[in-house]
Amino acid sequence: YLSSILVRIQNTGASPVTLSQLFAKYSIKEQ
Protein backbone atom coordinates (compact mmCIF):
# COMPACT_ATOMS: atom_id res chain seq x y z
CA TYR A 1 0.00 0.00 0.00
CA LEU A 2 2.79 2.42 0.93
CA SER A 3 4.67 1.59 -2.26
CA SER A 4 1.66 2.60 -4.37
CA ILE A 5 1.50 5.93 -2.54
CA LEU A 6 5.20 6.55 -3.15
CA VAL A 7 4.72 5.78 -6.84
CA ARG A 8 1.83 8.24 -7.07
CA ILE A 9 3.87 10.95 -5.36
CA GLN A 10 6.81 10.36 -7.70
CA ASN A 11 4.51 10.54 -10.72
CA THR A 12 2.78 13.73 -9.58
CA GLY A 13 5.95 15.31 -8.19
CA ALA A 14 4.21 16.17 -4.93
CA SER A 15 6.05 18.20 -2.31
CA PRO A 16 7.59 16.53 0.78
CA VAL A 17 4.94 18.30 2.86
CA THR A 18 2.20 16.36 1.09
CA LEU A 19 4.15 13.15 1.63
CA SER A 20 4.45 13.80 5.36
CA GLN A 21 0.73 14.59 5.57
CA LEU A 22 -0.25 11.37 3.80
CA PHE A 23 2.15 9.37 5.95
CA ALA A 24 0.76 10.97 9.11
CA LYS A 25 -2.80 10.04 8.14
CA TYR A 26 -1.69 6.49 7.33
CA SER A 27 0.11 6.18 10.68
CA ILE A 28 -2.99 7.36 12.55
CA LYS A 29 -5.15 4.78 10.77
CA GLU A 30 -2.64 2.05 11.69
CA GLN A 31 -2.98 2.89 15.38
C-alpha atoms as a PDB file:
ATOM      1  CA  TYR A   1       0.000   0.000   0.000  1.00  0.00           C
ATOM      2  CA  LEU A   2       2.791   2.416   0.929  1.00  0.00           C
ATOM      3  CA  SER A   3       4.673   1.592  -2.260  1.00  0.00           C
ATOM      4  CA  SER A   4       1.656   2.595  -4.365  1.00  0.00           C
ATOM      5  CA  ILE A   5       1.496   5.934  -2.542  1.00  0.00           C
ATOM      6  CA  LEU A   6       5.200   6.551  -3.145  1.00  0.00           C
ATOM      7  CA  VAL A   7       4.718   5.782  -6.837  1.00  0.00           C
ATOM      8  CA  ARG A   8       1.834   8.238  -7.071  1.00  0.00           C
ATOM      9  CA  ILE A   9       3.871  10.945  -5.357  1.00  0.00           C
ATOM     10  CA  GLN A  10       6.812  10.358  -7.698  1.00  0.00           C
ATOM     11  CA  ASN A  11       4.507  10.545 -10.722  1.00  0.00           C
ATOM     12  CA  THR A  12       2.781  13.726  -9.579  1.00  0.00           C
ATOM     13  CA  GLY A  13       5.953  15.311  -8.187  1.00  0.00           C
ATOM     14  CA  ALA A  14       4.205  16.175  -4.934  1.00  0.00           C
ATOM     15  CA  SER A  15       6.045  18.201  -2.310  1.00  0.00           C
ATOM     16  CA  PRO A  16       7.587  16.528   0.785  1.00  0.00           C
ATOM     17  CA  VAL A  17       4.942  18.297   2.861  1.00  0.00           C
ATOM     18  CA  THR A  18       2.197  16.361   1.088  1.00  0.00           C
ATOM     19  CA  LEU A  19       4.152  13.151   1.626  1.00  0.00           C
ATOM     20  CA  SER A  20       4.446  13.797   5.361  1.00  0.00           C
ATOM     21  CA  GLN A  21       0.725  14.587   5.570  1.00  0.00           C
ATOM     22  CA  LEU A  22      -0.250  11.365   3.798  1.00  0.00           C
ATOM     23  CA  PHE A  23       2.154   9.366   5.951  1.00  0.00           C
ATOM     24  CA  ALA A  24       0.756  10.971   9.109  1.00  0.00           C
ATOM     25  CA  LYS A  25      -2.802  10.045   8.140  1.00  0.00           C
ATOM     26  CA  TYR A  26      -1.692   6.485   7.333  1.00  0.00           C
ATOM     27  CA  SER A  27       0.106   6.180  10.678  1.00  0.00           C
ATOM     28  CA  ILE A  28      -2.985   7.362  12.552  1.00  0.00           C
ATOM     29  CA  LYS A  29      -5.148   4.780  10.775  1.00  0.00           C
ATOM     30  CA  GLU A  30      -2.636   2.049  11.690  1.00  0.00           C
ATOM     31  CA  GLN A  31      -2.982   2.895  15.375  1.00  0.00           C
END
